Amino acid sequence: MTSCGNGQQTPSAQSAPSDTPPVASEQITAKIESPPAPPPPDVAWPTYHGDTSLDGVADIAFPNALEQAWQFDAGASIPNPPVSADGRIYFANLKGSVFALDTNGSKAWSKSFTEPMGEGKPPRTVYFDAPLLLIDSTLIAGSSSGTIYALDTESGDVKWKCETSVPILGSPNFADVVIDGKAQRRVYVIDEAEGALQCIDFESGTLLWKGPPVQRCDGSPALNGAMAVYGSCAAAIHVFSAIDGKLLRETPLDDDSQVAGGVVLLGDSIYSGSRSGMFVHMNAQTGEMVWTNKDCQGESYSTPAIDATTIVYGANDGVLYALDRAAGALKWKQDLDDTPNSPIIARDKVVVTAGGELYLLRLEDGAKLWSFSVSDFVVSPSIAGELVLVGSDDGSLTAFAGKEAA
């Protein structure tokens, strides 16, 4: 790709009434059974990097090693991380097929699409270069020709289509906005060439508005109910109204700090890497810089993973960096011998791919705990329940589960 550059309390037992007669002649013992084990976590992964904030955080605990659970052959290279929820996994391959798998690796359905080319011409295959988006029972897929498809997750049937007439490279995203006191769900995509934000009504597929251009954008917007945030080749971070698409503010970075990866929006804080290697933390309400870090020696196009205390991101110098979220100071760095993709923070672990390898690192200090050679090249990992999913250039989707110590 050419680029410019996410308990109930048990009531206390009442004491027995005082007139209960004592038991004197026999001892009564009760068998105390252990409570049933809690069900495994159903960790949803609706965007390529977790939730709509793109924070890359999964609330799941992995042991110090993983093992292959299953592998599915999709027949062609898988260019983006899968999305998942409710026991289903969804992804597309470079031949234009969209797949739905159960979490045991069995195929639920697959679909391919064509679009007309004009009278007397055969229809052409629709290709999906952008990551998918999962919203409840609807799968959103943006095509390279600019059509947004809404698919039923049970069948793969088309619910609606929206023509944007511009290639979609970055992941669609969504938000629930309130207009005149009424909640409305909307889907957002970016015009790659101009960097203009486009808004689609989720229920009908109607294109509602298109915002002003800001220069080329290869990334994806981070969303909340008020703002849509992304960077661009203008070496700036742009904040738009999620309601009407108006540019609220933008903050220029250094001349060489173009932003081609996804940014993270957490509350009023924006976090992003850049082509120069500079990592920034901005105030989303004012556009002011909170801190910057320039420890990275390469170009950073990955979407960072951010939990309560730590920021983890990669660069094309082959290094994974971890920063203190509050102050921006370097906590550690780990050489992975190839460009790290967008990482995931899973409690005390970091899950990341680089080249054809899948790694499990310790979040505290970046120590390598485990690695596995998957293929020649793999995309960023994603999560489905208790599984780590990795798509590869050989067309395989591989699922990994935690490997308990013997």
Protein backbone atom coordinates (compact mmCIF):
# COMPACT_ATOMS: atom_id res chain seq x y z
CA MET A 1 0.00 0.00 0.00
CA THR A 2 1.27 3.42 -0.94
CA SER A 3 0.92 5.76 1.99
CA CYS A 4 2.02 9.26 2.93
CA GLY A 5 4.47 8.25 4.56
CA ASN A 6 -10.15 -1.03 21.98
CA GLY A 7 -20.71 -8.48 40.01
CA GLN A 8 -23.65 -9.08 41.64
CA GLN A 9 -23.32 -9.04 45.38
CA THR A 10 -24.56 -12.10 47.25
CA PRO A 11 -27.04 -11.09 49.96
CA SER A 12 -25.94 -12.07 53.44
CA ALA A 13 -27.75 -15.02 55.01
CA GLN A 14 -30.26 -14.20 57.74
CA SER A 15 -29.63 -15.74 61.18
CA ALA A 16 -32.02 -18.49 62.30
CA PRO A 17 -34.92 -17.49 64.57
CA SER A 18 -34.08 -17.79 68.26
CA ASP A 19 -36.85 -20.35 68.93
CA THR A 20 -35.36 -22.93 66.56
CA PRO A 21 -34.81 -26.09 68.58
CA PRO A 22 -31.18 -27.22 68.83
CA VAL A 23 -30.03 -30.49 67.32
CA ALA A 24 -28.42 -32.53 70.09
CA SER A 25 -28.20 -36.20 69.14
CA GLU A 26 -26.82 -36.13 65.59
CA GLN A 27 -24.39 -34.06 63.63
CA ILE A 28 -25.53 -32.73 60.29
CA THR A 29 -22.95 -31.95 57.63
CA ALA A 30 -23.62 -30.22 54.36
CA LYS A 31 -21.74 -30.84 51.16
CA ILE A 32 -20.45 -27.53 49.88
CA GLU A 33 -20.07 -27.53 46.14
CA SER A 34 -17.80 -25.18 44.25
CA PRO A 35 -19.63 -22.59 42.15
CA PRO A 36 -19.70 -23.32 38.44
CA ALA A 37 -16.86 -21.94 36.39
CA PRO A 38 -17.70 -18.66 34.68
CA PRO A 39 -18.30 -18.84 30.93
CA PRO A 40 -15.39 -17.90 28.68
CA PRO A 41 -15.28 -14.21 27.80
CA ASP A 42 -17.03 -13.18 24.62
CA VAL A 43 -14.62 -10.43 23.67
CA ALA A 44 -16.10 -8.57 20.71
CA TRP A 45 -13.82 -7.00 18.11
CA PRO A 46 -16.11 -4.88 15.89
CA THR A 47 -13.40 -2.84 14.14
CA TYR A 48 -9.94 -3.78 12.90
CA HIS A 49 -8.51 -2.42 16.16
CA GLY A 50 -11.12 -3.20 18.79
CA ASP A 51 -13.88 -0.71 19.53
CA THR A 52 -14.81 2.57 17.85
CA SER A 53 -12.08 4.45 19.73
CA LEU A 54 -9.53 2.17 17.97
CA ASP A 55 -7.68 1.68 21.29
CA GLY A 56 -6.66 -1.94 20.60
CA VAL A 57 -7.44 -3.21 24.11
CA ALA A 58 -8.89 -6.67 24.83
CA ASP A 59 -10.10 -7.55 28.33
CA ILE A 60 -8.77 -11.08 28.26
CA ALA A 61 -5.93 -12.81 30.10
CA PHE A 62 -3.59 -15.02 28.08
CA PRO A 63 -0.99 -17.37 29.57
CA ASN A 64 2.67 -17.00 28.63
CA ALA A 65 2.28 -19.07 25.46
CA LEU A 66 -0.30 -19.72 22.76
CA GLU A 67 -0.95 -22.73 20.55
CA GLN A 68 -2.63 -23.15 17.19
CA ALA A 69 -6.32 -23.99 17.56
CA TRP A 70 -7.29 -24.22 13.89
CA GLN A 71 -6.53 -22.87 10.44
CA PHE A 72 -8.91 -21.93 7.61
CA ASP A 73 -7.92 -21.62 3.96
CA ALA A 74 -9.62 -18.60 2.35
CA GLY A 75 -8.10 -19.23 -1.08
CA ALA A 76 -6.44 -15.83 -1.43
CA SER A 77 -4.45 -13.35 0.63
CA ILE A 78 -6.22 -11.80 3.63
CA PRO A 79 -5.32 -8.09 3.68
CA ASN A 80 -6.90 -6.98 6.96
CA PRO A 81 -7.65 -8.23 10.48
CA PRO A 82 -11.00 -10.00 10.96
CA VAL A 83 -13.81 -8.56 13.07
CA SER A 84 -15.87 -10.67 15.45
CA ALA A 85 -18.75 -10.87 17.94
CA ASP A 86 -21.25 -13.40 19.30
CA GLY A 87 -19.27 -16.46 18.24
CA ARG A 88 -18.76 -15.37 14.63
CA ILE A 89 -15.69 -14.16 12.72
CA TYR A 90 -15.84 -12.07 9.53
CA PHE A 91 -13.16 -11.16 6.99
CA ALA A 92 -12.52 -10.69 3.27
CA ASN A 93 -9.84 -11.97 0.92
CA LEU A 94 -8.21 -10.28 -2.07
CA LYS A 95 -10.37 -12.23 -4.54
CA GLY A 96 -13.42 -10.31 -3.33
CA SER A 97 -14.95 -12.99 -1.10
CA VAL A 98 -16.39 -12.19 2.32
CA PHE A 99 -16.38 -15.02 4.86
CA ALA A 100 -18.23 -15.79 8.08
CA LEU A 101 -16.74 -18.47 10.33
CA ASP A 102 -17.78 -19.94 13.64
CA THR A 103 -15.15 -19.73 16.37
CA ASN A 104 -14.30 -23.42 15.80
CA GLY A 105 -13.09 -22.53 12.30
CA SER A 106 -16.04 -23.93 10.35
CA LYS A 107 -17.49 -21.82 7.55
CA ALA A 108 -20.96 -20.41 8.10
CA TRP A 109 -21.13 -18.67 4.71
CA SER A 110 -19.14 -16.87 2.07
CA LYS A 111 -20.24 -14.31 -0.50
CA SER A 112 -18.79 -12.69 -3.60
CA PHE A 113 -20.21 -9.65 -5.34
CA THR A 114 -20.17 -8.13 -8.80
CA GLU A 115 -21.15 -4.73 -10.14
CA PRO A 116 -22.27 -3.74 -13.65
CA MET A 117 -19.80 -2.14 -16.06
CA GLY A 118 -22.26 -0.84 -18.63
CA GLU A 119 -24.26 -2.18 -21.53
CA GLY A 120 -22.56 -5.01 -23.37
CA LYS A 121 -19.81 -5.40 -20.78
CA PRO A 122 -19.50 -8.24 -18.28
CA PRO A 123 -19.87 -7.33 -14.60
CA ARG A 124 -16.71 -6.94 -12.59
CA THR A 125 -15.81 -8.47 -9.25
CA VAL A 126 -16.11 -6.25 -6.18
CA TYR A 127 -12.95 -6.09 -4.08
CA PHE A 128 -12.75 -5.08 -0.43
CA ASP A 129 -9.40 -3.47 0.38
CA ALA A 130 -10.61 -1.81 3.61
CA PRO A 131 -11.11 -3.56 6.96
CA LEU A 132 -14.67 -4.59 7.76
CA LEU A 133 -16.92 -3.10 10.43
CA LEU A 134 -19.37 -5.07 12.57
CA ILE A 135 -22.45 -3.36 14.02
CA ASP A 136 -24.74 -5.78 15.85
CA SER A 137 -26.23 -8.03 13.12
CA THR A 138 -24.85 -5.96 10.23
CA LEU A 139 -21.46 -6.25 8.55
CA ILE A 140 -20.23 -3.10 6.77
CA ALA A 141 -17.80 -3.56 3.87
CA GLY A 142 -16.27 -0.74 1.82
CA SER A 143 -15.20 -1.62 -1.71
CA SER A 144 -12.27 -0.36 -3.74
CA SER A 145 -14.78 1.15 -6.19
CA GLY A 146 -16.46 3.19 -3.46
CA THR A 147 -19.59 1.18 -2.71
CA ILE A 148 -20.47 0.56 0.94
CA TYR A 149 -22.26 -2.77 1.47
CA ALA A 150 -24.37 -3.60 4.53
CA LEU A 151 -24.58 -7.38 4.88
CA ASP A 152 -26.74 -9.52 7.14
CA THR A 153 -24.41 -11.38 9.49
CA GLU A 154 -26.53 -14.56 9.47
CA SER A 155 -26.70 -14.99 5.71
CA GLY A 156 -24.37 -12.51 4.01
CA ASP A 157 -27.32 -11.09 2.07
CA VAL A 158 -27.17 -7.41 1.13
CA LYS A 159 -29.32 -5.13 3.29
CA TRP A 160 -28.39 -1.95 1.44
CA LYS A 161 -25.69 -0.38 -0.68
CA CYS A 162 -24.41 3.19 -0.68
CA GLU A 163 -22.44 4.64 -3.58
CA THR A 164 -19.71 7.05 -2.49
CA SER A 165 -17.88 7.04 -5.85
CA VAL A 166 -14.46 7.14 -4.16
CA PRO A 167 -12.13 4.26 -3.17
CA ILE A 168 -12.45 3.17 0.45
CA LEU A 169 -9.10 2.17 1.95
CA GLY A 170 -9.50 2.92 5.67
CA SER A 171 -11.93 1.06 7.89
CA PRO A 172 -15.49 2.35 8.20
CA ASN A 173 -16.52 3.23 11.74
CA PHE A 174 -19.76 4.15 13.48
CA ALA A 175 -21.26 6.26 16.26
CA ASP A 176 -24.61 6.92 17.89
CA VAL A 177 -25.27 10.65 17.70
CA VAL A 178 -28.11 12.64 19.25
CA ILE A 179 -29.94 15.09 17.01
CA ASP A 180 -32.99 17.01 18.30
CA GLY A 181 -33.07 14.70 21.29
CA LYS A 182 -33.20 11.55 19.17
CA ALA A 183 -30.42 8.96 18.94
CA GLN A 184 -29.35 8.10 15.42
CA ARG A 185 -26.76 5.53 14.35
CA ARG A 186 -24.40 6.58 11.61
CA VAL A 187 -21.56 5.03 9.62
CA TYR A 188 -18.46 7.05 8.68
CA VAL A 189 -15.95 6.48 5.89
CA ILE A 190 -13.09 8.59 4.54
CA ASP A 191 -12.51 9.53 0.92
CA GLU A 192 -8.92 8.33 0.59
CA ALA A 193 -7.87 10.76 -2.13
CA GLU A 194 -9.22 13.95 -0.51
CA GLY A 195 -9.40 12.93 3.13
CA ALA A 196 -13.05 14.02 3.29
CA LEU A 197 -15.29 12.44 5.91
CA GLN A 198 -18.56 10.94 4.66
CA CYS A 199 -21.57 10.05 6.80
CA ILE A 200 -24.15 7.36 6.02
CA ASP A 201 -27.43 6.64 7.80
CA PHE A 202 -27.07 3.16 9.28
CA GLU A 203 -30.72 2.14 8.88
CA SER A 204 -31.25 3.16 5.27
CA GLY A 205 -27.79 3.43 3.72
CA THR A 206 -28.46 7.01 2.65
CA LEU A 207 -25.40 9.23 2.22
CA LEU A 208 -26.16 12.19 4.50
CA TRP A 209 -23.20 14.51 4.01
CA LYS A 210 -19.59 14.84 2.98
CA GLY A 211 -17.18 17.03 4.92
CA PRO A 212 -14.43 19.29 3.56
CA PRO A 213 -11.24 17.78 2.07
CA VAL A 214 -8.03 17.86 4.11
CA GLN A 215 -5.55 15.98 1.84
CA ARG A 216 -5.05 12.29 1.29
CA CYS A 217 -5.90 9.98 4.20
CA ASP A 218 -4.95 6.29 4.32
CA GLY A 219 -6.17 5.77 7.88
CA SER A 220 -9.48 5.29 9.66
CA PRO A 221 -11.54 7.66 11.81
CA ALA A 222 -11.83 7.19 15.56
CA LEU A 223 -15.33 8.00 16.80
CA ASN A 224 -17.41 8.94 19.78
CA GLY A 225 -20.89 10.46 19.83
CA ALA A 226 -19.58 13.96 19.22
CA MET A 227 -16.33 13.79 17.25
CA ALA A 228 -14.62 12.00 14.39
CA VAL A 229 -10.82 12.23 14.48
CA TYR A 230 -8.13 11.23 11.99
CA GLY A 231 -4.81 12.32 10.53
CA SER A 232 -3.71 12.92 6.97
CA CYS A 233 -0.87 13.60 4.56
CA ALA A 234 -1.22 17.27 5.51
CA ALA A 235 0.82 16.37 8.63
CA ALA A 236 -2.07 17.31 10.88
CA ILE A 237 -4.72 15.84 13.16
CA HIS A 238 -8.28 16.79 12.19
CA VAL A 239 -11.31 16.89 14.51
CA PHE A 240 -14.74 16.92 12.85
CA SER A 241 -18.26 17.08 14.21
CA ALA A 242 -19.81 13.62 14.05
CA ILE A 243 -23.20 15.30 13.70
CA ASP A 244 -22.78 17.55 10.67
CA GLY A 245 -19.19 17.04 9.44
CA LYS A 246 -17.97 20.54 10.22
CA LEU A 247 -14.24 20.89 10.89
CA LEU A 248 -14.02 21.75 14.58
CA ARG A 249 -10.26 22.11 14.81
CA GLU A 250 -7.02 20.77 13.43
CA THR A 251 -3.52 20.69 14.85
CA PRO A 252 -0.51 20.82 12.52
CA LEU A 253 2.43 18.57 13.33
CA ASP A 254 6.02 18.77 12.08
CA ASP A 255 6.45 18.97 8.31
CA ASP A 256 7.54 15.31 8.09
CA SER A 257 4.88 14.03 10.50
CA GLN A 258 2.22 12.84 8.07
CA VAL A 259 -0.30 10.48 9.65
CA ALA A 260 -1.22 7.35 7.69
CA GLY A 261 -2.31 5.04 10.52
CA GLY A 262 -5.38 5.17 12.72
CA VAL A 263 -5.46 7.56 15.64
CA VAL A 264 -6.97 6.72 19.03
CA LEU A 265 -9.69 8.84 20.67
CA LEU A 266 -10.16 8.25 24.40
CA GLY A 267 -12.35 10.79 26.15
CA ASP A 268 -10.86 14.18 25.33
CA SER A 269 -7.47 12.73 24.40
CA ILE A 270 -6.10 11.98 20.92
CA TYR A 271 -3.04 9.77 20.41
CA SER A 272 -1.16 9.20 17.17
CA GLY A 273 2.12 8.14 15.64
CA SER A 274 3.52 9.76 12.50
CA ARG A 275 5.88 9.41 9.58
CA SER A 276 8.67 11.27 11.39
CA GLY A 277 8.43 8.87 14.34
CA MET A 278 7.06 11.57 16.61
CA PHE A 279 4.19 10.34 18.80
CA VAL A 280 1.66 12.91 19.98
CA HIS A 281 -0.97 13.29 22.69
CA MET A 282 -3.44 16.11 21.99
CA ASN A 283 -6.46 17.59 23.72
CA ALA A 284 -9.45 16.90 21.48
CA GLN A 285 -11.44 19.85 22.83
CA THR A 286 -8.78 22.51 22.32
CA GLY A 287 -6.39 21.01 19.76
CA GLU A 288 -3.48 21.80 22.08
CA MET A 289 -0.55 19.42 22.39
CA VAL A 290 -0.32 17.70 25.79
CA TRP A 291 3.04 16.03 25.12
CA THR A 292 5.18 14.64 22.32
CA ASN A 293 7.70 11.80 22.21
CA LYS A 294 10.52 11.52 19.67
CA ASP A 295 12.25 8.31 20.82
CA CYS A 296 11.03 6.39 17.75
CA GLN A 297 13.71 6.18 15.05
CA GLY A 298 11.42 5.03 12.25
CA GLU A 299 8.16 5.85 10.51
CA SER A 300 5.08 4.84 12.50
CA TYR A 301 1.97 3.87 10.55
CA SER A 302 0.48 1.39 13.00
CA THR A 303 -2.54 2.18 15.15
CA PRO A 304 -1.40 2.32 18.79
CA ALA A 305 -2.83 0.18 21.57
CA ILE A 306 -3.57 2.15 24.74
CA ASP A 307 -4.71 1.00 28.17
CA ALA A 308 -4.95 3.00 31.41
CA THR A 309 -1.18 3.44 31.81
CA THR A 310 0.67 2.37 28.66
CA ILE A 311 0.81 3.17 24.94
CA VAL A 312 2.27 0.54 22.58
CA TYR A 313 2.98 1.14 18.88
CA GLY A 314 5.33 0.01 16.14
CA ALA A 315 7.51 1.60 13.47
CA ASN A 316 9.33 0.56 10.32
CA ASP A 317 12.66 0.44 12.18
CA GLY A 318 11.44 -2.98 13.37
CA VAL A 319 10.91 -1.80 16.93
CA LEU A 320 7.86 -1.91 19.18
CA TYR A 321 7.73 1.07 21.55
CA ALA A 322 5.93 1.50 24.88
CA LEU A 323 5.30 4.92 26.40
CA ASP A 324 3.93 6.09 29.72
CA ARG A 325 0.44 7.35 28.92
CA ALA A 326 0.46 10.18 31.44
CA ALA A 327 3.82 11.76 30.66
CA GLY A 328 4.83 10.31 27.29
CA ALA A 329 8.17 8.98 28.55
CA LEU A 330 9.66 5.85 26.98
CA LYS A 331 9.00 2.76 29.15
CA TRP A 332 10.68 0.16 26.93
CA LYS A 333 11.33 -0.84 23.35
CA GLN A 334 11.63 -4.28 21.78
CA ASP A 335 13.28 -5.14 18.46
CA LEU A 336 11.10 -7.51 16.41
CA ASP A 337 13.35 -7.68 13.31
CA ASP A 338 10.54 -6.50 11.02
CA THR A 339 7.91 -3.76 10.98
CA PRO A 340 5.37 -4.38 13.76
CA ASN A 341 1.72 -4.14 12.78
CA SER A 342 -0.94 -2.59 15.00
CA PRO A 343 -0.58 -4.26 18.43
CA ILE A 344 -3.15 -5.38 20.99
CA ILE A 345 -2.92 -4.94 24.76
CA ALA A 346 -4.54 -7.91 26.51
CA ARG A 347 -4.27 -7.12 30.23
CA ASP A 348 -0.63 -7.87 31.12
CA LYS A 349 0.37 -9.02 27.62
CA VAL A 350 0.99 -7.46 24.22
CA VAL A 351 -0.10 -9.39 21.13
CA VAL A 352 1.64 -8.22 17.96
CA THR A 353 2.68 -9.41 14.52
CA ALA A 354 5.76 -8.45 12.51
CA GLY A 355 6.74 -9.90 9.14
CA GLY A 356 5.35 -13.43 9.31
CA GLU A 357 5.65 -13.85 13.09
CA LEU A 358 3.11 -13.67 15.90
CA TYR A 359 4.53 -12.53 19.25
CA LEU A 360 3.37 -12.49 22.84
CA LEU A 361 5.22 -9.92 24.98
CA ARG A 362 5.04 -8.91 28.61
CA LEU A 363 3.41 -5.49 28.88
CA GLU A 364 5.45 -4.46 31.92
CA ASP A 365 8.86 -4.58 30.24
CA GLY A 366 8.39 -5.79 26.64
CA ALA A 367 10.09 -9.14 27.24
CA LYS A 368 9.40 -11.76 24.55
CA LEU A 369 7.39 -14.60 26.05
CA TRP A 370 6.47 -16.60 22.94
CA SER A 371 6.51 -16.41 19.15
CA PHE A 372 5.24 -18.45 16.21
CA SER A 373 6.08 -18.33 12.51
CA VAL A 374 2.73 -18.14 10.72
CA SER A 375 3.58 -17.28 7.10
CA ASP A 376 5.81 -15.03 5.01
CA PHE A 377 3.64 -12.02 5.83
CA VAL A 378 0.75 -11.56 8.25
CA VAL A 379 -1.57 -8.67 9.08
CA SER A 380 -2.34 -7.19 12.48
CA PRO A 381 -3.88 -9.63 14.96
CA SER A 382 -7.45 -9.47 16.18
CA ILE A 383 -9.49 -11.13 18.91
CA ALA A 384 -12.53 -13.45 18.89
CA GLY A 385 -13.60 -14.55 22.35
CA GLU A 386 -10.53 -16.32 23.77
CA LEU A 387 -8.79 -16.62 20.39
CA VAL A 388 -6.10 -14.59 18.66
CA LEU A 389 -6.71 -14.42 14.90
CA VAL A 390 -4.04 -13.82 12.26
CA GLY A 391 -4.65 -13.49 8.53
CA SER A 392 -1.80 -14.03 6.09
CA ASP A 393 -0.64 -13.56 2.52
CA ASP A 394 -0.97 -17.30 1.80
CA GLY A 395 -4.75 -17.09 2.33
CA SER A 396 -4.82 -18.75 5.72
CA LEU A 397 -6.64 -17.48 8.78
CA THR A 398 -5.04 -19.02 11.85
CA ALA A 399 -6.57 -19.06 15.32
CA PHE A 400 -4.47 -19.34 18.47
CA ALA A 401 -5.62 -20.15 21.99
CA GLY A 402 -3.88 -19.94 25.32
CA LYS A 403 -1.51 -22.81 26.10
CA GLU A 404 -1.57 -23.72 29.76
CA ALA A 405 1.59 -24.90 31.47
CA ALA A 406 1.95 -28.68 31.70
